[in-house]
Protein backbone atom coordinates (compact mmCIF):
# COMPACT_ATOMS: atom_id res chain seq x y z
CA VAL A 1 -0.13 -0.10 -0.22
CA GLN A 2 1.11 3.72 -0.99
CA LEU A 3 0.08 7.00 0.15
CA GLN A 4 0.75 9.59 -2.09
CA ALA A 5 0.16 13.60 -1.12
CA SER A 6 -0.30 16.55 -3.84
CA GLY A 7 -1.67 19.84 -3.88
CA GLY A 8 0.83 22.00 -2.20
CA GLY A 9 2.12 25.26 -3.73
CA LEU A 10 2.38 29.03 -2.88
CA VAL A 11 -0.26 31.14 -2.64
CA GLN A 12 -0.99 34.80 -1.09
CA ALA A 13 -2.45 35.31 2.11
CA GLY A 14 -6.07 34.99 2.14
CA GLY A 15 -5.67 32.64 -0.54
CA SER A 16 -6.87 28.92 -0.87
CA LEU A 17 -5.60 24.92 -1.28
CA THR A 18 -6.80 21.95 -1.61
CA LEU A 19 -4.73 19.07 -0.79
CA SER A 20 -5.44 15.28 -1.72
CA CYS A 21 -3.82 12.19 -0.39
CA ALA A 22 -4.31 8.90 -2.82
CA ALA A 23 -3.93 5.60 -1.18
CA SER A 24 -3.21 2.64 -3.71
CA GLY A 25 -2.66 -1.18 -3.54
CA ILE A 26 -5.08 -3.96 -3.27
CA ASN A 27 -6.99 -5.53 -0.37
CA PHE A 28 -6.89 -3.05 2.06
CA ARG A 29 -8.85 -0.89 4.27
CA ILE A 30 -8.44 2.71 5.69
CA ASN A 31 -9.67 3.36 9.00
CA ASP A 32 -9.00 6.81 10.46
CA MET A 33 -7.20 9.50 8.11
CA ALA A 34 -5.49 12.50 9.06
CA TRP A 35 -3.26 15.50 7.84
CA TYR A 36 -0.21 16.94 9.80
CA ARG A 37 1.89 19.48 9.23
CA GLN A 38 5.48 20.46 9.96
CA ALA A 39 7.23 24.01 10.10
CA PRO A 40 10.90 24.74 9.63
CA GLY A 41 12.28 24.53 13.04
CA LYS A 42 9.28 23.20 14.91
CA GLN A 43 7.93 19.86 15.62
CA ARG A 44 5.13 18.11 13.41
CA GLU A 45 1.83 19.12 14.80
CA LEU A 46 -1.59 17.44 14.06
CA VAL A 47 -4.16 19.40 11.68
CA ALA A 48 -7.41 17.46 11.02
CA THR A 49 -8.63 13.97 11.43
CA ILE A 50 -11.43 11.80 9.86
CA THR A 51 -12.70 8.64 10.84
CA ARG A 52 -14.04 6.33 8.55
CA GLY A 53 -17.65 7.15 9.26
CA GLU A 54 -16.10 10.88 8.17
CA ASN A 55 -16.33 12.21 11.80
CA THR A 56 -13.43 15.33 11.89
CA ASP A 57 -11.76 16.85 14.43
CA TYR A 58 -9.26 20.12 14.10
CA ALA A 59 -6.63 21.68 15.68
CA ASP A 60 -7.77 25.12 16.85
CA SER A 61 -5.36 26.79 14.82
CA VAL A 62 -7.11 25.85 11.56
CA LYS A 63 -10.87 25.56 13.02
CA GLY A 64 -13.28 27.39 10.47
CA ARG A 65 -10.50 27.43 7.89
CA PHE A 66 -9.74 24.25 6.81
CA THR A 67 -11.88 21.07 6.14
CA ILE A 68 -11.29 17.61 5.88
CA SER A 69 -13.20 15.24 3.48
CA ARG A 70 -12.38 11.52 2.10
CA ASP A 71 -13.78 9.44 -0.77
CA ASN A 72 -13.81 5.67 0.89
CA ALA A 73 -14.69 4.20 -2.41
CA LYS A 74 -11.32 5.69 -3.73
CA ASN A 75 -8.99 5.49 -0.84
CA TRP A 76 -8.96 9.57 -1.06
CA ALA A 77 -8.54 12.20 1.51
CA TYR A 78 -8.72 15.99 0.94
CA LEU A 79 -7.64 18.96 2.88
CA GLN A 80 -9.61 21.97 1.46
CA MET A 81 -7.75 25.12 3.23
CA ASN A 82 -9.27 28.56 3.09
CA SER A 83 -8.24 31.78 4.39
CA LEU A 84 -4.51 30.86 4.63
CA LYS A 85 -2.28 32.66 6.70
CA PRO A 86 1.62 32.95 6.78
CA GLU A 87 1.68 30.75 9.66
CA ASP A 88 -0.05 28.01 7.84
CA THR A 89 3.16 27.60 6.19
CA ALA A 90 4.82 24.14 6.12
CA VAL A 91 5.13 20.69 4.86
CA TYR A 92 1.64 18.92 5.21
CA TYR A 93 1.87 15.18 5.40
CA CYS A 94 -1.12 12.99 5.59
CA LYS A 95 -1.37 9.58 7.35
CA ALA A 96 -3.87 6.89 6.86
CA ALA A 97 -4.35 4.04 9.33
CA ILE A 98 -4.37 0.64 7.33
CA VAL A 99 -5.63 -2.31 7.61
CA TYR A 100 -3.86 -5.30 5.56
CA ARG A 101 -2.55 -7.94 7.20
CA GLY A 102 -2.61 -6.54 10.47
CA MET A 103 -2.95 -2.54 11.25
CA TYR A 104 -0.25 -0.03 10.99
CA ASP A 105 0.04 3.83 10.24
CA LEU A 106 0.98 4.70 6.72
CA TRP A 107 2.50 8.18 5.97
CA GLY A 108 2.37 9.95 2.47
CA GLN A 109 5.28 12.02 1.57
CA GLY A 110 4.93 15.60 2.46
CA THR A 111 3.45 18.53 0.15
CA GLN A 112 4.87 21.93 0.84
CA VAL A 113 2.70 24.51 1.55
CA THR A 114 4.05 28.33 1.45
CA VAL A 115 1.62 31.16 2.28
CA SER A 116 3.23 34.89 1.58
CA SER A 117 2.26 37.91 3.31
């Protein structure tokens, strides 16, 4: 099973971006999915989570601006980011709880989001 994140880029403050996370492989199931981010010199932090039943939770810093969603049929997750701020600049990572020959967390490669002021 592989996890691929995409959609990052450079945007002005106040702008929007949508990140995508695609899981590929065969005969697997995904439970929770999540987006994390890591800014330079800082620890990786949890941004948003979504259960298979589409219950969501957000970090206080992004509530009301970011929306996490998923497509269980396609094994994709999304992060819609609106009203972006310079402090949202970071490498964003997706994580999926995989059920395949056991259970384990799978991380995608990061995608860079840069918000200019």
